[in-house]
Amino acid sequence: MRRWFVRLPLPGLLLCFTAVSAQEPQACSYDVCALRVVDGGGYFASQVVVRGRQGYSLALARRSATLEDLFAANDSASTYYARFETHDRQADWFGWIGSGLLLTGLVADIFGEGGLSSRSFLLYGGGIAVTYGVAIPAQRRASTDLSNAVWWYNRSLLGAP
């Protein structure tokens, strides 16, 4: 009879542990699914969003449907990603405007009369002001927003506190 009492608790315990583990499904662990932004390597290389400890590349740190779908799982992450898209778009536009003003100043300098009061110096100054005064700060805000989106996404992997 003693054998019967020893065998009975073992299946009962196994059923309890399988029921508890079935209640807490984890689609992806933090080590496998956590995101981070890394340098792509090289002077002109873009930053890359990678996943997990191994660092599997997901997408460039630019506006993309891949990142938008990924951050849609968390409200805070999707909010920060939307802000990232806005600031990144502003940085692109003002960067192009600043470059255009600098290029126009160069062309005006080459084909113009020159002198200190020429239009080329105004175009150079405007291009530098737009680039360093608007485009670069917008790119910094975009980088901060992407960092916040990644943080909130990683925070959602940990579950409720």
Protein backbone atom coordinates (compact mmCIF):
# COMPACT_ATOMS: atom_id res chain seq x y z
CA MET A 1 0.00 0.00 0.00
CA ARG A 2 2.81 2.32 0.59
CA ARG A 3 3.72 2.33 -3.09
CA TRP A 4 0.28 3.53 -4.03
CA PHE A 5 0.56 6.65 -1.83
CA VAL A 6 4.00 7.46 -3.21
CA ARG A 7 2.85 7.24 -6.82
CA LEU A 8 -0.33 9.26 -6.41
CA PRO A 9 1.21 12.67 -5.48
CA LEU A 10 3.68 12.62 -8.38
CA PRO A 11 1.05 12.80 -11.20
CA GLY A 12 -0.91 15.35 -9.17
CA LEU A 13 2.15 17.57 -8.84
CA LEU A 14 2.92 17.23 -12.51
CA LEU A 15 -0.62 18.30 -13.40
CA CYS A 16 -0.32 21.33 -11.12
CA PHE A 17 2.98 22.44 -12.65
CA THR A 18 1.72 22.03 -16.22
CA ALA A 19 -1.43 23.99 -15.38
CA VAL A 20 0.62 26.83 -13.85
CA SER A 21 3.01 26.94 -16.79
CA ALA A 22 0.10 26.95 -19.24
CA GLN A 23 -1.36 30.02 -17.55
CA GLU A 24 1.77 32.13 -18.14
CA PRO A 25 2.67 31.86 -21.81
CA GLN A 26 5.66 33.94 -22.81
CA ALA A 27 5.84 34.50 -26.53
CA CYS A 28 9.31 35.94 -26.33
CA SER A 29 11.80 36.28 -23.50
CA TYR A 30 13.64 39.50 -22.76
CA ASP A 31 17.01 38.02 -23.79
CA VAL A 32 15.65 37.04 -27.20
CA CYS A 33 13.32 39.94 -28.03
CA ALA A 34 14.76 43.06 -26.38
CA LEU A 35 15.69 45.81 -28.81
CA ARG A 36 18.65 48.16 -28.93
CA VAL A 37 20.09 50.68 -31.34
CA VAL A 38 23.70 50.11 -32.39
CA ASP A 39 26.11 51.89 -34.67
CA GLY A 40 26.22 50.34 -38.12
CA GLY A 41 30.01 50.64 -38.30
CA GLY A 42 31.98 53.06 -40.40
CA TYR A 43 31.82 56.82 -40.73
CA PHE A 44 28.81 57.02 -43.05
CA ALA A 45 26.98 53.93 -41.77
CA SER A 46 23.50 54.33 -40.33
CA GLN A 47 22.42 53.16 -36.93
CA VAL A 48 20.62 49.81 -36.84
CA VAL A 49 17.87 48.49 -34.57
CA VAL A 50 18.85 44.99 -33.45
CA ARG A 51 17.02 42.34 -31.45
CA GLY A 52 18.21 40.08 -28.68
CA ARG A 53 21.54 39.29 -27.16
CA GLN A 54 22.91 38.05 -30.49
CA GLY A 55 22.04 41.34 -32.18
CA TYR A 56 19.98 40.21 -35.15
CA SER A 57 19.37 43.21 -37.39
CA LEU A 58 15.72 44.25 -37.72
CA ALA A 59 15.83 47.56 -39.58
CA LEU A 60 17.78 50.74 -40.01
CA ALA A 61 17.04 53.39 -37.40
CA ARG A 62 14.88 55.27 -39.90
CA ARG A 63 11.16 55.47 -40.56
CA SER A 64 9.97 52.04 -41.65
CA ALA A 65 6.89 49.84 -41.62
CA THR A 66 8.87 47.15 -39.77
CA LEU A 67 9.53 49.40 -36.79
CA GLU A 68 6.03 50.85 -36.88
CA ASP A 69 4.49 47.36 -36.67
CA LEU A 70 6.90 46.35 -33.94
CA PHE A 71 6.17 49.35 -31.72
CA ALA A 72 2.40 49.11 -32.28
CA ALA A 73 2.22 46.43 -29.56
CA ASN A 74 2.71 49.02 -26.79
CA ASP A 75 0.84 52.33 -26.52
CA SER A 76 3.77 54.32 -25.13
CA ALA A 77 6.22 52.84 -27.63
CA SER A 78 3.90 53.63 -30.55
CA THR A 79 3.42 57.21 -29.27
CA TYR A 80 7.16 57.78 -29.09
CA TYR A 81 7.63 56.15 -32.49
CA ALA A 82 5.04 58.53 -34.00
CA ARG A 83 6.96 61.46 -32.49
CA PHE A 84 10.17 59.95 -33.90
CA GLU A 85 8.64 59.86 -37.38
CA THR A 86 7.56 63.50 -37.14
CA HIS A 87 10.93 64.77 -35.91
CA ASP A 88 12.85 62.58 -38.37
CA ARG A 89 10.76 63.90 -41.26
CA GLN A 90 11.37 67.49 -40.10
CA ALA A 91 15.10 66.83 -39.85
CA ASP A 92 15.14 65.44 -43.39
CA TRP A 93 13.23 68.38 -44.86
CA PHE A 94 15.25 71.06 -43.11
CA GLY A 95 18.46 69.22 -43.93
CA TRP A 96 17.56 69.31 -47.62
CA ILE A 97 16.56 73.00 -47.39
CA GLY A 98 19.85 73.89 -45.67
CA SER A 99 21.86 71.93 -48.24
CA GLY A 100 19.93 73.61 -51.06
CA LEU A 101 20.68 77.05 -49.65
CA LEU A 102 24.38 76.21 -49.33
CA LEU A 103 24.50 74.86 -52.89
CA THR A 104 22.63 77.90 -54.23
CA GLY A 105 25.12 80.13 -52.40
CA LEU A 106 27.99 78.25 -54.01
CA VAL A 107 26.48 78.63 -57.48
CA ALA A 108 25.78 82.32 -56.83
CA ASP A 109 29.36 82.76 -55.65
CA ILE A 110 30.78 81.08 -58.75
CA PHE A 111 28.67 82.98 -61.27
CA GLY A 112 28.12 86.21 -59.31
CA GLU A 113 30.19 89.31 -58.80
CA GLY A 114 31.21 88.40 -55.28
CA GLY A 115 31.99 90.85 -52.52
CA LEU A 116 31.00 90.99 -48.87
CA SER A 117 27.47 92.20 -49.53
CA SER A 118 26.67 89.60 -52.19
CA ARG A 119 23.71 87.26 -51.95
CA SER A 120 25.95 84.22 -51.73
CA PHE A 121 26.97 85.08 -48.16
CA LEU A 122 23.31 85.40 -47.19
CA LEU A 123 22.61 82.01 -48.76
CA TYR A 124 25.58 80.44 -46.99
CA GLY A 125 24.47 81.92 -43.69
CA GLY A 126 20.87 80.83 -44.22
CA GLY A 127 21.98 77.30 -45.13
CA ILE A 128 24.17 77.01 -42.06
CA ALA A 129 21.47 78.48 -39.82
CA VAL A 130 18.79 76.10 -41.10
CA THR A 131 21.08 73.07 -40.91
CA TYR A 132 22.58 73.70 -37.48
CA GLY A 133 19.65 75.58 -35.98
CA VAL A 134 16.74 73.41 -37.09
CA ALA A 135 17.76 70.15 -38.82
CA ILE A 136 20.34 68.89 -36.31
CA PRO A 137 18.19 69.63 -33.21
CA ALA A 138 15.23 67.91 -34.91
CA GLN A 139 17.44 64.88 -35.57
CA ARG A 140 18.49 64.84 -31.91
CA ARG A 141 14.84 64.93 -30.83
CA ALA A 142 14.10 62.08 -33.25
CA SER A 143 16.95 60.03 -31.80
CA THR A 144 15.66 60.60 -28.28
CA ASP A 145 12.13 59.60 -29.30
CA LEU A 146 13.38 56.39 -30.93
CA SER A 147 15.36 55.61 -27.77
CA ASN A 148 12.22 56.13 -25.68
CA ALA A 149 10.19 53.90 -28.01
CA VAL A 150 12.78 51.14 -27.66
CA TRP A 151 12.78 51.57 -23.87
CA TRP A 152 8.98 51.27 -23.62
CA TYR A 153 8.98 48.26 -25.95
CA ASN A 154 11.61 46.53 -23.80
CA ARG A 155 9.68 47.49 -20.67
CA SER A 156 6.58 45.76 -22.05
CA LEU A 157 8.56 42.51 -22.40
CA LEU A 158 9.07 42.39 -18.64
CA GLY A 159 5.34 42.30 -17.92
CA ALA A 160 3.47 43.98 -15.10
CA PRO A 161 5.51 44.98 -12.04
